[in-house]
C-alpha atoms as a PDB file:
ATOM      1  CA  MET A   1       8.205   5.904   2.729  1.00  0.00           C
ATOM      2  CA  HIS A   2       7.708   8.627   0.122  1.00  0.00           C
ATOM      3  CA  VAL A   3       9.436  11.937  -0.497  1.00  0.00           C
ATOM      4  CA  ASP A   4       7.215  15.017  -1.001  1.00  0.00           C
ATOM      5  CA  LEU A   5       4.178  13.249   0.492  1.00  0.00           C
ATOM      6  CA  GLU A   6       2.452  14.880   3.481  1.00  0.00           C
ATOM      7  CA  GLY A   7       4.900  17.783   3.227  1.00  0.00           C
ATOM      8  CA  MET A   8       7.945  15.576   3.833  1.00  0.00           C
ATOM      9  CA  ASP A   9      10.851  16.695   1.649  1.00  0.00           C
ATOM     10  CA  ALA A  10      14.207  14.912   1.750  1.00  0.00           C
ATOM     11  CA  ASP A  11      15.563  16.868   4.736  1.00  0.00           C
ATOM     12  CA  ARG A  12      12.395  16.469   6.796  1.00  0.00           C
ATOM     13  CA  LEU A  13      12.418  12.788   5.900  1.00  0.00           C
ATOM     14  CA  ILE A  14      15.859  12.387   7.465  1.00  0.00           C
ATOM     15  CA  THR A  15      14.768  14.351  10.544  1.00  0.00           C
ATOM     16  CA  TYR A  16      11.762  12.030  10.889  1.00  0.00           C
ATOM     17  CA  MET A  17      14.041   9.014  10.619  1.00  0.00           C
ATOM     18  CA  ASP A  18      16.454  10.425  13.196  1.00  0.00           C
ATOM     19  CA  ASN A  19      13.623  11.157  15.615  1.00  0.00           C
ATOM     20  CA  HIS A  20      12.293   7.606  15.253  1.00  0.00           C
ATOM     21  CA  ARG A  21      15.728   5.907  15.306  1.00  0.00           C
ATOM     22  CA  ILE A  22      15.325   4.590  11.753  1.00  0.00           C
ATOM     23  CA  GLU A  23      18.618   3.821  10.046  1.00  0.00           C
ATOM     24  CA  ARG A  24      17.374   3.421   6.464  1.00  0.00           C
ATOM     25  CA  CYS A  25      14.138   3.553   4.497  1.00  0.00           C
ATOM     26  CA  TRP A  26      12.888   2.305   1.171  1.00  0.00           C
ATOM     27  CA  LEU A  27      11.829   5.441  -0.723  1.00  0.00           C
ATOM     28  CA  LEU A  28       8.979   4.755  -3.161  1.00  0.00           C
ATOM     29  CA  THR A  29       7.414   6.470  -6.168  1.00  0.00           C
ATOM     30  CA  TRP A  30       3.853   6.589  -7.498  1.00  0.00           C
ATOM     31  CA  GLU A  31       3.318   6.754 -11.235  1.00  0.00           C
ATOM     32  CA  GLU A  32       0.106   6.202 -13.195  1.00  0.00           C
ATOM     33  CA  GLU A  33      -0.506   7.669 -16.637  1.00  0.00           C
ATOM     34  CA  GLU A  34      -4.291   7.174 -16.935  1.00  0.00           C
ATOM     35  CA  VAL A  35      -5.773   8.274 -13.614  1.00  0.00           C
ATOM     36  CA  PRO A  36      -9.506   7.541 -13.144  1.00  0.00           C
ATOM     37  CA  ILE A  37     -10.066  10.221 -10.463  1.00  0.00           C
ATOM     38  CA  ASP A  38      -7.543  13.067 -10.337  1.00  0.00           C
ATOM     39  CA  ARG A  39      -8.038  13.935  -6.674  1.00  0.00           C
ATOM     40  CA  LEU A  40      -7.122  10.384  -5.592  1.00  0.00           C
ATOM     41  CA  TYR A  41      -3.699  10.570  -7.232  1.00  0.00           C
ATOM     42  CA  GLN A  42      -0.439  12.313  -6.321  1.00  0.00           C
ATOM     43  CA  HIS A  43       2.409  11.944  -8.755  1.00  0.00           C
ATOM     44  CA  LEU A  44       5.603  11.032  -6.870  1.00  0.00           C
ATOM     45  CA  PRO A  45       8.371  11.009  -9.498  1.00  0.00           C
ATOM     46  CA  PRO A  46      11.584   8.975  -9.458  1.00  0.00           C
ATOM     47  CA  GLU A  47      13.728  12.100  -9.863  1.00  0.00           C
ATOM     48  CA  GLU A  48      12.930  13.138  -6.285  1.00  0.00           C
ATOM     49  CA  VAL A  49      13.803   9.677  -4.993  1.00  0.00           C
ATOM     50  CA  PHE A  50      17.169   9.593  -6.762  1.00  0.00           C
ATOM     51  CA  ALA A  51      17.944  13.153  -5.607  1.00  0.00           C
ATOM     52  CA  ALA A  52      17.275  12.111  -2.004  1.00  0.00           C
ATOM     53  CA  TYR A  53      19.447   9.031  -2.501  1.00  0.00           C
ATOM     54  CA  GLU A  54      22.332  11.088  -3.890  1.00  0.00           C
ATOM     55  CA  LYS A  55      22.069  13.425  -0.909  1.00  0.00           C
ATOM     56  CA  HIS A  56      21.675  10.654   1.696  1.00  0.00           C
ATOM     57  CA  PRO A  57      23.057   7.425   0.158  1.00  0.00           C
ATOM     58  CA  ASP A  58      23.489   5.754   3.552  1.00  0.00           C
ATOM     59  CA  ARG A  59      19.872   6.411   4.595  1.00  0.00           C
ATOM     60  CA  VAL A  60      17.784   5.928   1.439  1.00  0.00           C
ATOM     61  CA  VAL A  61      17.155   2.779  -0.618  1.00  0.00           C
ATOM     62  CA  PRO A  62      15.699   4.000  -3.963  1.00  0.00           C
ATOM     63  CA  PHE A  63      12.650   2.298  -5.494  1.00  0.00           C
ATOM     64  CA  TYR A  64      10.761   3.192  -8.676  1.00  0.00           C
ATOM     65  CA  ALA A  65       7.653   1.601 -10.205  1.00  0.00           C
ATOM     66  CA  PRO A  66       6.992   2.802 -13.757  1.00  0.00           C
ATOM     67  CA  ASP A  67       3.411   2.622 -14.959  1.00  0.00           C
ATOM     68  CA  PRO A  68       2.876  -0.767 -16.679  1.00  0.00           C
ATOM     69  CA  LYS A  69       1.245   1.080 -19.584  1.00  0.00           C
ATOM     70  CA  THR A  70       4.528   2.725 -20.560  1.00  0.00           C
ATOM     71  CA  ASP A  71       6.211   1.574 -23.748  1.00  0.00           C
ATOM     72  CA  ARG A  72       9.648   2.365 -22.284  1.00  0.00           C
ATOM     73  CA  LEU A  73       9.597   0.118 -19.224  1.00  0.00           C
ATOM     74  CA  GLU A  74      12.965  -1.569 -19.629  1.00  0.00           C
ATOM     75  CA  GLN A  75      14.691   1.691 -20.557  1.00  0.00           C
ATOM     76  CA  LYS A  76      13.304   3.307 -17.397  1.00  0.00           C
ATOM     77  CA  ILE A  77      14.453   0.375 -15.258  1.00  0.00           C
ATOM     78  CA  ILE A  78      17.950   0.366 -16.780  1.00  0.00           C
ATOM     79  CA  ARG A  79      18.273   4.125 -16.333  1.00  0.00           C
ATOM     80  CA  GLY A  80      17.056   3.764 -12.746  1.00  0.00           C
ATOM     81  CA  LYS A  81      19.635   1.093 -11.978  1.00  0.00           C
ATOM     82  CA  GLU A  82      22.333   3.454 -13.259  1.00  0.00           C
ATOM     83  CA  HIS A  83      21.190   5.823 -10.485  1.00  0.00           C
ATOM     84  CA  GLY A  84      21.150   3.145  -7.780  1.00  0.00           C
ATOM     85  CA  LEU A  85      17.697   1.603  -8.163  1.00  0.00           C
ATOM     86  CA  LYS A  86      17.211  -1.347  -5.787  1.00  0.00           C
ATOM     87  CA  GLY A  87      13.528  -2.204  -6.099  1.00  0.00           C
ATOM     88  CA  CYS A  88      10.264  -1.665  -7.954  1.00  0.00           C
ATOM     89  CA  GLY A  89       7.661   0.198  -5.949  1.00  0.00           C
ATOM     90  CA  GLU A  90       5.210   1.412  -5.169  1.00  0.00           C
ATOM     91  CA  LEU A  91       3.133  -0.180  -7.907  1.00  0.00           C
ATOM     92  CA  LYS A  92      -0.274   1.416  -7.348  1.00  0.00           C
ATOM     93  CA  VAL A  93      -2.258   1.279 -10.571  1.00  0.00           C
ATOM     94  CA  THR A  94      -5.893   0.699 -11.526  1.00  0.00           C
ATOM     95  CA  GLN A  95      -5.275  -2.639 -13.202  1.00  0.00           C
ATOM     96  CA  LEU A  96      -5.812  -6.288 -12.375  1.00  0.00           C
ATOM     97  CA  TRP A  97      -3.099  -8.912 -12.035  1.00  0.00           C
ATOM     98  CA  GLU A  98      -4.634 -10.843 -14.927  1.00  0.00           C
ATOM     99  CA  ASP A  99      -3.914  -7.914 -17.281  1.00  0.00           C
ATOM    100  CA  GLN A 100      -1.467  -9.001 -20.000  1.00  0.00           C
ATOM    101  CA  ARG A 101       0.565  -5.838 -19.413  1.00  0.00           C
ATOM    102  CA  LEU A 102       1.224  -7.003 -15.862  1.00  0.00           C
ATOM    103  CA  GLU A 103       2.691 -10.229 -17.207  1.00  0.00           C
ATOM    104  CA  SER A 104       5.052  -8.283 -19.472  1.00  0.00           C
ATOM    105  CA  TYR A 105       5.881  -5.994 -16.553  1.00  0.00           C
ATOM    106  CA  LEU A 106       6.760  -8.890 -14.275  1.00  0.00           C
ATOM    107  CA  LYS A 107       9.003 -10.442 -16.916  1.00  0.00           C
ATOM    108  CA  VAL A 108      11.084  -7.244 -17.048  1.00  0.00           C
ATOM    109  CA  ILE A 109      11.462  -6.639 -13.316  1.00  0.00           C
ATOM    110  CA  ASN A 110      12.092 -10.334 -12.715  1.00  0.00           C
ATOM    111  CA  ARG A 111      14.855 -10.231 -15.319  1.00  0.00           C
ATOM    112  CA  HIS A 112      16.420  -7.309 -13.453  1.00  0.00           C
ATOM    113  CA  GLN A 113      15.949  -9.039 -10.062  1.00  0.00           C
ATOM    114  CA  LEU A 114      14.009  -6.215  -8.439  1.00  0.00           C
ATOM    115  CA  PRO A 115      11.623  -6.911  -5.545  1.00  0.00           C
ATOM    116  CA  LEU A 116       8.130  -5.570  -6.294  1.00  0.00           C
ATOM    117  CA  LEU A 117       6.193  -3.639  -3.646  1.00  0.00           C
ATOM    118  CA  PHE A 118       2.524  -3.106  -4.553  1.00  0.00           C
ATOM    119  CA  HIS A 119      -0.708  -1.659  -3.174  1.00  0.00           C
ATOM    120  CA  MET A 120      -4.087  -3.466  -3.089  1.00  0.00           C
ATOM    121  CA  GLU A 121      -7.361  -1.547  -2.807  1.00  0.00           C
ATOM    122  CA  GLU A 122     -10.936  -2.511  -3.677  1.00  0.00           C
ATOM    123  CA  PRO A 123     -13.254  -0.701  -6.131  1.00  0.00           C
ATOM    124  CA  ARG A 124     -15.844   1.706  -4.731  1.00  0.00           C
ATOM    125  CA  MET A 125     -18.018   4.666  -5.616  1.00  0.00           C
ATOM    126  CA  HIS A 126     -16.175   7.892  -4.799  1.00  0.00           C
ATOM    127  CA  TYR A 127     -17.830  11.288  -4.337  1.00  0.00           C
ATOM    128  CA  VAL A 128     -16.215  13.954  -6.543  1.00  0.00           C
ATOM    129  CA  PRO A 129     -17.207  17.513  -5.480  1.00  0.00           C
ATOM    130  CA  GLU A 130     -17.958  20.019  -8.220  1.00  0.00           C
ATOM    131  CA  ASN A 131     -16.580  23.059  -6.383  1.00  0.00           C
ATOM    132  CA  SER A 132     -14.887  24.138  -3.147  1.00  0.00           C
ATOM    133  CA  GLY A 133     -18.020  25.397  -1.435  1.00  0.00           C
ATOM    134  CA  LEU A 134     -19.009  24.424   2.103  1.00  0.00           C
ATOM    135  CA  THR A 135     -21.703  21.960   1.017  1.00  0.00           C
ATOM    136  CA  GLU A 136     -19.342  20.188  -1.355  1.00  0.00           C
ATOM    137  CA  LYS A 137     -16.547  20.110   1.204  1.00  0.00           C
ATOM    138  CA  THR A 138     -18.911  18.631   3.780  1.00  0.00           C
ATOM    139  CA  LEU A 139     -20.232  15.962   1.414  1.00  0.00           C
ATOM    140  CA  ASN A 140     -16.681  15.138   0.378  1.00  0.00           C
ATOM    141  CA  VAL A 141     -15.753  14.423   3.988  1.00  0.00           C
ATOM    142  CA  LEU A 142     -18.941  12.538   4.824  1.00  0.00           C
ATOM    143  CA  LEU A 143     -18.978  10.354   1.708  1.00  0.00           C
ATOM    144  CA  ASN A 144     -15.257   9.701   1.357  1.00  0.00           C
ATOM    145  CA  GLY A 145     -14.138   8.284   4.652  1.00  0.00           C
ATOM    146  CA  ALA A 146     -15.853   9.805   7.693  1.00  0.00           C
ATOM    147  CA  LEU A 147     -16.021   7.239  10.507  1.00  0.00           C
ATOM    148  CA  ASN A 148     -14.414   4.583   8.323  1.00  0.00           C
ATOM    149  CA  GLY A 149     -17.254   4.422   5.803  1.00  0.00           C
ATOM    150  CA  VAL A 150     -20.113   4.249   8.327  1.00  0.00           C
ATOM    151  CA  VAL A 151     -21.304   7.810   7.613  1.00  0.00           C
ATOM    152  CA  LYS A 152     -21.255   7.158   3.864  1.00  0.00           C
ATOM    153  CA  ASN A 153     -23.516   4.149   4.277  1.00  0.00           C
ATOM    154  CA  LEU A 154     -25.961   6.050   6.524  1.00  0.00           C
ATOM    155  CA  LEU A 155     -26.048   9.119   4.273  1.00  0.00           C
ATOM    156  CA  LEU A 156     -26.629   7.070   1.125  1.00  0.00           C
ATOM    157  CA  ARG A 157     -29.497   5.213   2.805  1.00  0.00           C
ATOM    158  CA  PHE A 158     -30.965   8.482   4.097  1.00  0.00           C
ATOM    159  CA  SER A 159     -30.838  10.198   0.694  1.00  0.00           C
ATOM    160  CA  LYS A 160     -32.354   7.166  -1.016  1.00  0.00           C
ATOM    161  CA  ASN A 161     -35.239   6.910   1.451  1.00  0.00           C
ATOM    162  CA  THR A 162     -35.993  10.652   1.614  1.00  0.00           C
ATOM    163  CA  SER A 163     -34.785  11.831  -1.830  1.00  0.00           C
ATOM    164  CA  ILE A 164     -32.913  14.637  -0.042  1.00  0.00           C
ATOM    165  CA  LEU A 165     -29.700  15.263  -2.044  1.00  0.00           C
ATOM    166  CA  LYS A 166     -30.347  11.960  -3.828  1.00  0.00           C
ATOM    167  CA  ASP A 167     -29.941  13.272  -7.383  1.00  0.00           C
ATOM    168  CA  HIS A 168     -26.987  15.458  -6.455  1.00  0.00           C
ATOM    169  CA  ILE A 169     -25.099  12.647  -4.755  1.00  0.00           C
ATOM    170  CA  GLU A 170     -25.794  10.173  -7.544  1.00  0.00           C
ATOM    171  CA  ASP A 171     -24.590  12.694 -10.146  1.00  0.00           C
ATOM    172  CA  HIS A 172     -21.293  13.111  -8.317  1.00  0.00           C
ATOM    173  CA  LEU A 173     -20.477   9.530  -7.443  1.00  0.00           C
ATOM    174  CA  THR A 174     -17.702   8.227  -9.699  1.00  0.00           C
ATOM    175  CA  TYR A 175     -16.580   4.646  -9.994  1.00  0.00           C
ATOM    176  CA  PHE A 176     -13.081   4.016  -8.686  1.00  0.00           C
ATOM    177  CA  PRO A 177     -11.810   0.725 -10.202  1.00  0.00           C
ATOM    178  CA  GLY A 178      -9.416  -0.261  -7.413  1.00  0.00           C
ATOM    179  CA  TYR A 179      -5.726  -1.134  -7.365  1.00  0.00           C
ATOM    180  CA  LEU A 180      -4.483  -4.678  -8.127  1.00  0.00           C
ATOM    181  CA  TYR A 181      -7.204  -6.155  -5.910  1.00  0.00           C
ATOM    182  CA  ASP A 182      -7.767  -9.562  -7.550  1.00  0.00           C
ATOM    183  CA  PHE A 183      -6.288 -12.193  -5.233  1.00  0.00           C
ATOM    184  CA  ALA A 184      -6.872 -14.990  -7.750  1.00  0.00           C
ATOM    185  CA  GLY A 185      -4.817 -13.095 -10.303  1.00  0.00           C
ATOM    186  CA  LEU A 186      -2.103 -12.402  -7.743  1.00  0.00           C
ATOM    187  CA  GLU A 187      -1.878 -16.081  -6.856  1.00  0.00           C
ATOM    188  CA  LYS A 188      -1.535 -16.938 -10.535  1.00  0.00           C
ATOM    189  CA  ARG A 189       1.409 -14.541 -10.830  1.00  0.00           C
ATOM    190  CA  LEU A 190       3.015 -15.902  -7.650  1.00  0.00           C
ATOM    191  CA  LYS A 191       2.997 -19.342  -9.260  1.00  0.00           C
ATOM    192  CA  GLN A 192       4.084 -18.050 -12.657  1.00  0.00           C
ATOM    193  CA  PHE A 193       7.084 -16.086 -11.290  1.00  0.00           C
ATOM    194  CA  PRO A 194       8.408 -18.129  -8.337  1.00  0.00           C
ATOM    195  CA  GLY A 195      11.729 -16.285  -8.408  1.00  0.00           C
ATOM    196  CA  GLN A 196      10.112 -12.837  -8.233  1.00  0.00           C
ATOM    197  CA  VAL A 197       9.739 -11.242  -4.792  1.00  0.00           C
ATOM    198  CA  PHE A 198       6.254  -9.744  -4.253  1.00  0.00           C
ATOM    199  CA  ILE A 199       5.645  -7.413  -1.281  1.00  0.00           C
ATOM    200  CA  ALA A 200       1.999  -6.519  -0.590  1.00  0.00           C
ATOM    201  CA  HIS A 201       0.343  -3.770   1.398  1.00  0.00           C
ATOM    202  CA  GLY A 202      -2.770  -1.604   1.299  1.00  0.00           C
ATOM    203  CA  PRO A 203      -6.292  -1.791   2.750  1.00  0.00           C
ATOM    204  CA  HIS A 204      -7.564  -4.671   0.614  1.00  0.00           C
ATOM    205  CA  PHE A 205      -4.576  -6.808   1.505  1.00  0.00           C
ATOM    206  CA  TRP A 206      -4.760  -6.140   5.233  1.00  0.00           C
ATOM    207  CA  ASN A 207      -8.560  -6.304   5.459  1.00  0.00           C
ATOM    208  CA  ASN A 208      -8.170  -9.914   4.405  1.00  0.00           C
ATOM    209  CA  ILE A 209      -6.187 -10.844   7.499  1.00  0.00           C
ATOM    210  CA  ALA A 210      -9.637 -12.081   8.591  1.00  0.00           C
ATOM    211  CA  SER A 211     -12.000 -14.377   6.713  1.00  0.00           C
ATOM    212  CA  ASP A 212     -15.056 -12.259   7.575  1.00  0.00           C
ATOM    213  CA  ARG A 213     -15.558  -8.986   5.697  1.00  0.00           C
ATOM    214  CA  SER A 214     -17.892  -6.016   6.073  1.00  0.00           C
ATOM    215  CA  GLU A 215     -19.556  -4.377   3.060  1.00  0.00           C
ATOM    216  CA  ILE A 216     -19.340  -0.956   4.707  1.00  0.00           C
ATOM    217  CA  LEU A 217     -15.976  -0.410   6.407  1.00  0.00           C
ATOM    218  CA  PHE A 218     -12.944   0.820   4.503  1.00  0.00           C
ATOM    219  CA  HIS A 219     -10.641  -0.538   7.219  1.00  0.00           C
ATOM    220  CA  GLU A 220     -12.039  -3.667   8.875  1.00  0.00           C
ATOM    221  CA  LYS A 221     -12.172  -3.741  12.664  1.00  0.00           C
ATOM    222  CA  GLY A 222     -13.073  -6.064  15.503  1.00  0.00           C
ATOM    223  CA  ARG A 223     -12.093  -9.548  16.573  1.00  0.00           C
ATOM    224  CA  ILE A 224     -10.524 -11.940  14.089  1.00  0.00           C
ATOM    225  CA  ASP A 225     -12.213 -15.320  14.406  1.00  0.00           C
ATOM    226  CA  GLN A 226     -10.385 -16.963  11.529  1.00  0.00           C
ATOM    227  CA  PHE A 227      -7.466 -15.798   9.412  1.00  0.00           C
ATOM    228  CA  GLY A 228      -8.236 -14.922   5.796  1.00  0.00           C
ATOM    229  CA  ILE A 229      -6.628 -15.432   2.414  1.00  0.00           C
ATOM    230  CA  ILE A 230      -3.400 -13.545   3.115  1.00  0.00           C
ATOM    231  CA  ASP A 231      -2.500 -16.097   5.797  1.00  0.00           C
ATOM    232  CA  ARG A 232      -2.815 -18.892   3.244  1.00  0.00           C
ATOM    233  CA  LEU A 233      -0.851 -17.061   0.560  1.00  0.00           C
ATOM    234  CA  LEU A 234       2.003 -16.101   2.896  1.00  0.00           C
ATOM    235  CA  SER A 235       2.184 -19.698   4.097  1.00  0.00           C
ATOM    236  CA  ARG A 236       2.106 -21.258   0.635  1.00  0.00           C
ATOM    237  CA  TYR A 237       4.319 -18.982  -1.467  1.00  0.00           C
ATOM    238  CA  ASP A 238       7.933 -18.372  -0.534  1.00  0.00           C
ATOM    239  CA  ASN A 239       8.068 -15.337  -2.834  1.00  0.00           C
ATOM    240  CA  LEU A 240       5.229 -13.390  -1.136  1.00  0.00           C
ATOM    241  CA  TYR A 241       6.021 -10.880   1.597  1.00  0.00           C
ATOM    242  CA  CYS A 242       4.083  -7.940   3.046  1.00  0.00           C
ATOM    243  CA  ASP A 243       4.672  -4.696   4.923  1.00  0.00           C
ATOM    244  CA  ILE A 244       2.650  -3.202   7.768  1.00  0.00           C
ATOM    245  CA  SER A 245       2.821   0.422   6.609  1.00  0.00           C
ATOM    246  CA  GLY A 246      -0.001   2.933   6.444  1.00  0.00           C
ATOM    247  CA  LYS A 247      -3.242   3.039   8.355  1.00  0.00           C
ATOM    248  CA  SER A 248      -4.225  -0.333   6.880  1.00  0.00           C
ATOM    249  CA  GLY A 249      -1.264  -2.208   8.323  1.00  0.00           C
ATOM    250  CA  TYR A 250      -1.534  -0.393  11.643  1.00  0.00           C
ATOM    251  CA  ASN A 251      -5.262  -1.130  11.858  1.00  0.00           C
ATOM    252  CA  ALA A 252      -4.761  -4.822  11.064  1.00  0.00           C
ATOM    253  CA  MET A 253      -2.241  -5.156  13.903  1.00  0.00           C
ATOM    254  CA  ARG A 254      -4.387  -3.225  16.399  1.00  0.00           C
ATOM    255  CA  ARG A 255      -7.888  -4.640  15.855  1.00  0.00           C
ATOM    256  CA  ASP A 256      -7.237  -7.947  17.640  1.00  0.00           C
ATOM    257  CA  PRO A 257      -3.888  -7.918  19.501  1.00  0.00           C
ATOM    258  CA  ARG A 258      -3.957 -11.619  20.378  1.00  0.00           C
ATOM    259  CA  LYS A 259      -4.501 -12.685  16.769  1.00  0.00           C
ATOM    260  CA  ALA A 260      -2.044 -10.030  15.539  1.00  0.00           C
ATOM    261  CA  ARG A 261       0.661 -11.563  17.708  1.00  0.00           C
ATOM    262  CA  MET A 262      -0.196 -15.020  16.371  1.00  0.00           C
ATOM    263  CA  PHE A 263       0.000 -13.715  12.794  1.00  0.00           C
ATOM    264  CA  LEU A 264       3.383 -12.029  13.362  1.00  0.00           C
ATOM    265  CA  GLU A 265       4.749 -15.085  15.151  1.00  0.00           C
ATOM    266  CA  LYS A 266       3.718 -17.301  12.240  1.00  0.00           C
ATOM    267  CA  HIS A 267       4.956 -15.024   9.451  1.00  0.00           C
ATOM    268  CA  HIS A 268       7.835 -13.183  11.114  1.00  0.00           C
ATOM    269  CA  ARG A 269      10.152 -14.056   8.197  1.00  0.00           C
ATOM    270  CA  LYS A 270       7.703 -12.587   5.637  1.00  0.00           C
ATOM    271  CA  ILE A 271       6.682  -9.250   7.234  1.00  0.00           C
ATOM    272  CA  LEU A 272       8.466  -5.895   6.844  1.00  0.00           C
ATOM    273  CA  PHE A 273       8.175  -2.867   9.098  1.00  0.00           C
ATOM    274  CA  GLY A 274       7.032   0.404   7.512  1.00  0.00           C
ATOM    275  CA  THR A 275       5.055   3.588   8.180  1.00  0.00           C
ATOM    276  CA  ASP A 276       4.290   5.108   4.735  1.00  0.00           C
ATOM    277  CA  ASN A 277       4.647   8.704   6.024  1.00  0.00           C
ATOM    278  CA  THR A 278       1.890   8.268   8.595  1.00  0.00           C
ATOM    279  CA  SER A 279       1.979   9.502  12.184  1.00  0.00           C
ATOM    280  CA  PHE A 280       0.719   6.216  13.624  1.00  0.00           C
ATOM    281  CA  ASP A 281       3.005   4.575  16.190  1.00  0.00           C
ATOM    282  CA  HIS A 282       3.715   1.400  14.234  1.00  0.00           C
ATOM    283  CA  GLU A 283       6.820   0.628  16.266  1.00  0.00           C
ATOM    284  CA  GLY A 284       5.105   1.052  19.618  1.00  0.00           C
ATOM    285  CA  LEU A 285       2.229  -1.138  18.510  1.00  0.00           C
ATOM    286  CA  ILE A 286       4.494  -3.934  17.289  1.00  0.00           C
ATOM    287  CA  ARG A 287       6.589  -3.829  20.454  1.00  0.00           C
ATOM    288  CA  SER A 288       3.445  -3.951  22.608  1.00  0.00           C
ATOM    289  CA  LEU A 289       2.671  -7.399  21.167  1.00  0.00           C
ATOM    290  CA  GLN A 290       5.789  -8.704  22.964  1.00  0.00           C
ATOM    291  CA  LEU A 291       7.273 -10.921  20.295  1.00  0.00           C
ATOM    292  CA  PRO A 292      10.603 -12.659  20.933  1.00  0.00           C
ATOM    293  CA  ALA A 293      13.586 -10.435  20.150  1.00  0.00           C
ATOM    294  CA  LYS A 294      14.759 -12.472  17.136  1.00  0.00           C
ATOM    295  CA  LYS A 295      11.343 -12.243  15.489  1.00  0.00           C
ATOM    296  CA  LEU A 296      11.167  -8.510  16.133  1.00  0.00           C
ATOM    297  CA  GLU A 297      14.563  -8.098  14.462  1.00  0.00           C
ATOM    298  CA  ASN A 298      13.286  -9.968  11.402  1.00  0.00           C
ATOM    299  CA  ILE A 299      10.289  -7.672  11.103  1.00  0.00           C
ATOM    300  CA  PHE A 300      12.113  -4.437  11.866  1.00  0.00           C
ATOM    301  CA  TYR A 301      15.077  -4.882   9.518  1.00  0.00           C
ATOM    302  CA  ARG A 302      16.447  -8.326   8.702  1.00  0.00           C
ATOM    303  CA  ASN A 303      13.712  -9.251   6.228  1.00  0.00           C
ATOM    304  CA  ALA A 304      14.069  -5.981   4.333  1.00  0.00           C
ATOM    305  CA  ASP A 305      17.868  -6.254   4.291  1.00  0.00           C
ATOM    306  CA  GLY A 306      17.633  -9.775   2.889  1.00  0.00           C
ATOM    307  CA  LEU A 307      15.530  -8.667  -0.076  1.00  0.00           C
ATOM    308  CA  ILE A 308      17.863  -5.970  -1.369  1.00  0.00           C
ATOM    309  CA  PRO A 309      20.913  -7.151  -3.335  1.00  0.00           C
ATOM    310  CA  GLY A 310      24.143  -5.755  -1.900  1.00  0.00           C
END
């Protein structure tokens, strides 16, 4: 979870946890120094996480992921550990795993034995409105997510074929470079740092629960005929885990319940429960898949407990 995201300060966070019978949460930051599109970023500083931890030490497990571009990485990690830091997350930066700075980053957090929780998201063209007028607000909604990307595809085709709004839309589409989306680079790092715990989430990770992919949808849907690359990576690498938080994790578990149960059964020792401040009923969905009690316990808390020293 995050503090100060979706209006959830530390006290409201605890109320949410009480209402959902959650004993503890991993509280994550978001830090990126060179943001490609301002409106896609919300700075979530470590100070708020440590303040929540000091106020509720029995409920909060503090995480912090400094930007890999910082020249003070180790100092930030050491200072964080002095305040109770238990993990590195959420790493959500517009870089690739093959970036040399990621190698240096992994060496530091591996040396400090911190599990790394990261977000994967593919590149895309993002509409950036020029003002807050009705037309711009409408285009922002239609081109940046309405009906899971279907409306964007239809509107782009319409404008191209008719020239209506074509120049305007093209002038306001900005390239978003994605977050840590290169699976080949990730696999290289999994091999290179076998003692480092990696915990994946995000739409690009969970879209690849299936081998078939759409070029339109932001969150894939429909029947899963064959499991995709994340099934292979979770099976092959002992140091790779994942969490089901956010809309992406929820969607992956809901799109094909029979295959979702098979996936959870197979990887029940590698999957962590989470919500990421969303209102989706992750717990109800997981329970509806009727896994054996021991495997549910692994997903709901035992796996997470086993990854945090002390």
